Amino acid sequence: MSDKLNETALNALKIAFSYMPKAIEVTKYEYGENFQYVLDHIETVKEVLLLNDVDPEEVYGEVHPDHSPNSMY
């Protein structure tokens, strides 16, 4: 996928990603035999965000600025 998403689609992806579990939270105990599918889906979304010049680590704070800690920078 080399085409960048339009702003509406990118914003929708950011919102959806902000509600996805963190990869470290995805365990076989919590997700059963499908845990690898969940990890693969998280990785796919991260890749698309990166292709659109979005840092996945910054998405939650961008989408939920009132619920994220202040930056340490």
Protein backbone atom coordinates (compact mmCIF):
# COMPACT_ATOMS: atom_id res chain seq x y z
CA MET A 1 0.00 0.00 0.00
CA SER A 2 1.79 3.11 -1.17
CA ASP A 3 -1.13 5.54 -1.33
CA LYS A 4 -1.65 7.74 1.69
CA LEU A 5 -5.03 7.81 3.37
CA ASN A 6 -7.19 10.90 3.13
CA GLU A 7 -7.52 12.94 6.32
CA THR A 8 -10.93 11.51 7.27
CA ALA A 9 -9.81 7.90 6.86
CA LEU A 10 -6.55 8.56 8.71
CA ASN A 11 -8.41 10.19 11.59
CA ALA A 12 -10.80 7.21 11.77
CA LEU A 13 -7.82 4.84 11.87
CA LYS A 14 -6.21 6.86 14.66
CA ILE A 15 -9.42 6.72 16.70
CA ALA A 16 -9.77 2.97 16.19
CA PHE A 17 -6.09 2.41 17.06
CA SER A 18 -6.43 4.40 20.26
CA TYR A 19 -8.96 1.82 21.50
CA MET A 20 -6.95 -1.24 20.44
CA PRO A 21 -5.07 -3.11 23.15
CA LYS A 22 -1.34 -2.58 23.42
CA ALA A 23 0.62 -5.53 22.05
CA ILE A 24 2.02 -6.28 25.50
CA GLU A 25 -1.56 -6.72 26.78
CA VAL A 26 -2.38 -9.40 24.20
CA THR A 27 -1.81 -12.80 25.74
CA LYS A 28 -2.96 -16.32 25.02
CA TYR A 29 -4.72 -16.26 28.41
CA GLU A 30 -6.80 -13.20 27.50
CA TYR A 31 -7.37 -13.85 23.79
CA GLY A 32 -7.14 -17.63 23.52
CA GLU A 33 -5.89 -19.24 20.36
CA ASN A 34 -6.62 -16.01 18.39
CA PHE A 35 -3.98 -13.97 20.21
CA GLN A 36 -1.61 -14.07 17.23
CA TYR A 37 -4.32 -12.69 14.92
CA VAL A 38 -4.83 -9.78 17.32
CA LEU A 39 -1.09 -9.10 17.38
CA ASP A 40 -0.97 -9.25 13.58
CA HIS A 41 -3.87 -6.78 13.32
CA ILE A 42 -2.18 -4.37 15.71
CA GLU A 43 1.01 -4.56 13.65
CA THR A 44 -0.89 -3.96 10.39
CA VAL A 45 -2.52 -0.83 11.77
CA LYS A 46 0.84 0.43 13.08
CA GLU A 47 2.38 -0.08 9.64
CA VAL A 48 -0.38 1.92 7.93
CA LEU A 49 -0.01 4.72 10.46
CA LEU A 50 3.74 4.82 9.85
CA LEU A 51 3.19 4.86 6.07
CA ASN A 52 1.06 7.96 6.67
CA ASP A 53 3.76 9.68 8.74
CA VAL A 54 1.99 9.08 12.05
CA ASP A 55 3.89 7.84 15.11
CA PRO A 56 1.70 5.11 16.66
CA GLU A 57 3.10 5.95 20.10
CA GLU A 58 1.68 9.48 19.84
CA VAL A 59 -1.80 8.57 18.58
CA TYR A 60 -3.53 8.13 21.95
CA GLY A 61 -2.41 11.55 23.15
CA GLU A 62 -3.51 13.16 19.89
CA VAL A 63 -6.95 11.53 19.93
CA HIS A 64 -7.48 11.86 23.71
CA PRO A 65 -5.52 14.92 24.81
CA ASP A 66 -7.49 15.30 28.06
CA HIS A 67 -6.74 11.72 29.12
CA SER A 68 -3.07 11.43 28.32
CA PRO A 69 -0.13 12.33 30.54
CA ASN A 70 1.88 15.43 29.82
CA SER A 71 4.91 14.94 27.61
CA MET A 72 8.24 14.41 29.31
CA TYR A 73 10.07 16.42 26.63
